Amino acid sequence: MTYSIAEAAESTALTPDTLRYYERDGLMLRPVGRSATGHRRYTDADLTWITLLNCLRGTGMPIRDVRRYAELVRAGDGTEQDRLDLLRTHRRHVLAQLAEVQEHLGAIDRKIGIYTEKLAGLDLERTPSA
């Protein structure tokens, strides 16, 4: 099955401009197909790849690393170790970011607890005793 750029954009939660950028910047595995009228036609394999690109970008992988990963995949067999190294390095970065975010979330949760207790105490003070 093939998809128009609008359908691909909707399916991947990206804009058509972003899809064109991915293609122009060498992030796609192969050139996007074209219809007889010259319109882009994305395949299921293209959408699967774009989903991975979204994941990598969503976890903060720099475009230069995404581009490098795409180059390695396009190069085929023999690049697996380089791909693995790139993904492991990125994974370590993501785990460090996640730990930092969890630490910040803990601080927010502590503040929420302080205010919740304070407001609960105020409600008890306002409640008439029986």
Protein backbone atom coordinates (compact mmCIF):
# COMPACT_ATOMS: atom_id res chain seq x y z
CA MET A 1 0.00 0.00 0.00
CA THR A 2 1.18 3.55 -0.64
CA TYR A 3 0.30 6.83 1.02
CA SER A 4 0.23 10.45 -0.07
CA ILE A 5 2.34 12.93 1.83
CA ALA A 6 -0.79 14.12 3.66
CA GLU A 7 -1.64 10.56 4.68
CA ALA A 8 1.96 9.89 5.73
CA ALA A 9 2.00 13.12 7.73
CA GLU A 10 -1.21 12.17 9.52
CA SER A 11 0.02 8.63 10.19
CA THR A 12 3.37 9.78 11.60
CA ALA A 13 2.15 12.92 13.40
CA LEU A 14 4.60 15.02 11.38
CA THR A 15 4.00 17.85 8.98
CA PRO A 16 4.48 17.46 5.24
CA ASP A 17 7.32 19.99 5.56
CA THR A 18 9.08 17.74 8.07
CA LEU A 19 8.67 14.73 5.79
CA ARG A 20 10.15 16.71 2.91
CA TYR A 21 13.01 17.81 5.18
CA TYR A 22 13.74 14.21 6.20
CA GLU A 23 13.95 13.28 2.54
CA ARG A 24 16.03 16.30 1.53
CA ASP A 25 18.44 15.89 4.48
CA GLY A 26 19.24 12.26 3.71
CA LEU A 27 17.38 10.74 6.62
CA MET A 28 15.28 8.35 4.53
CA LEU A 29 16.63 4.91 3.70
CA ARG A 30 15.79 5.21 0.03
CA PRO A 31 14.23 7.85 -2.18
CA VAL A 32 10.52 8.22 -1.59
CA GLY A 33 8.54 6.84 -4.51
CA ARG A 34 6.60 9.06 -6.86
CA SER A 35 3.27 8.66 -8.58
CA ALA A 36 2.89 9.11 -12.33
CA THR A 37 2.06 12.75 -11.61
CA GLY A 38 5.21 13.22 -9.52
CA HIS A 39 3.54 13.23 -6.09
CA ARG A 40 5.34 11.48 -3.25
CA ARG A 41 4.08 8.01 -2.40
CA TYR A 42 5.18 6.55 0.94
CA THR A 43 5.21 2.81 1.59
CA ASP A 44 4.58 0.94 4.82
CA ALA A 45 8.36 0.46 5.09
CA ASP A 46 8.84 4.24 4.76
CA LEU A 47 6.33 4.86 7.55
CA THR A 48 8.02 2.27 9.77
CA TRP A 49 11.36 4.01 9.22
CA ILE A 50 9.83 7.44 9.88
CA THR A 51 8.36 6.09 13.13
CA LEU A 52 11.88 5.09 14.19
CA LEU A 53 13.18 8.54 13.20
CA ASN A 54 10.46 10.08 15.39
CA CYS A 55 11.57 7.87 18.27
CA LEU A 56 15.21 8.81 17.87
CA ARG A 57 14.42 12.51 17.55
CA GLY A 58 11.88 12.34 20.38
CA THR A 59 14.58 11.02 22.68
CA GLY A 60 16.90 13.85 21.72
CA MET A 61 19.19 12.21 19.19
CA PRO A 62 20.87 14.99 17.21
CA ILE A 63 20.08 15.14 13.49
CA ARG A 64 23.76 14.46 12.65
CA ASP A 65 23.53 11.15 14.58
CA VAL A 66 20.21 10.25 12.97
CA ARG A 67 21.77 10.99 9.58
CA ARG A 68 24.78 8.82 10.48
CA TYR A 69 22.50 6.00 11.58
CA ALA A 70 20.57 6.22 8.28
CA GLU A 71 23.87 6.15 6.35
CA LEU A 72 24.95 3.03 8.24
CA VAL A 73 21.64 1.27 7.60
CA ARG A 74 21.81 2.18 3.91
CA ALA A 75 25.37 0.82 3.77
CA GLY A 76 23.99 -2.58 4.78
CA ASP A 77 25.83 -5.60 6.12
CA GLY A 78 29.08 -4.95 7.89
CA THR A 79 27.90 -1.80 9.68
CA GLU A 80 26.01 -3.52 12.48
CA GLN A 81 28.67 -2.83 15.12
CA ASP A 82 28.74 0.87 14.26
CA ARG A 83 24.94 0.99 14.43
CA LEU A 84 24.96 -0.81 17.76
CA ASP A 85 27.61 1.55 19.15
CA LEU A 86 25.65 4.59 18.03
CA LEU A 87 22.41 3.30 19.57
CA ARG A 88 24.11 2.26 22.82
CA THR A 89 25.72 5.68 23.15
CA HIS A 90 22.34 7.32 22.59
CA ARG A 91 20.69 4.95 25.08
CA ARG A 92 23.18 6.00 27.78
CA HIS A 93 22.37 9.62 27.03
CA VAL A 94 18.61 8.96 27.25
CA LEU A 95 19.01 7.09 30.56
CA ALA A 96 20.98 10.02 32.01
CA GLN A 97 18.26 12.44 30.88
CA LEU A 98 15.58 10.17 32.34
CA ALA A 99 17.35 10.03 35.71
CA GLU A 100 17.56 13.81 35.76
CA VAL A 101 13.88 14.19 34.89
CA GLN A 102 12.94 11.67 37.60
CA GLU A 103 14.95 13.66 40.12
CA HIS A 104 13.17 16.85 39.12
CA LEU A 105 9.82 15.07 39.27
CA GLY A 106 10.63 13.96 42.81
CA ALA A 107 11.21 17.60 43.80
CA ILE A 108 7.87 18.57 42.26
CA ASP A 109 6.12 15.71 44.08
CA ARG A 110 7.65 16.83 47.39
CA LYS A 111 6.35 20.36 46.85
CA ILE A 112 2.91 19.03 45.94
CA GLY A 113 2.95 17.03 49.18
CA ILE A 114 3.87 20.12 51.23
CA TYR A 115 1.06 22.19 49.71
CA THR A 116 -1.45 19.35 49.94
CA GLU A 117 -0.70 18.89 53.65
CA LYS A 118 -0.82 22.62 54.28
CA LEU A 119 -4.18 22.99 52.54
CA ALA A 120 -5.57 19.92 54.32
CA GLY A 121 -4.50 21.51 57.62
CA LEU A 122 -6.27 24.72 56.71
CA ASP A 123 -9.46 22.81 55.97
CA LEU A 124 -9.28 21.15 59.40
CA GLU A 125 -8.88 24.53 61.06
CA ARG A 126 -11.93 25.87 59.20
CA THR A 127 -14.10 22.88 60.01
CA PRO A 128 -16.21 23.60 63.10
CA SER A 129 -15.66 21.16 65.96
CA ALA A 130 -18.50 19.05 67.10
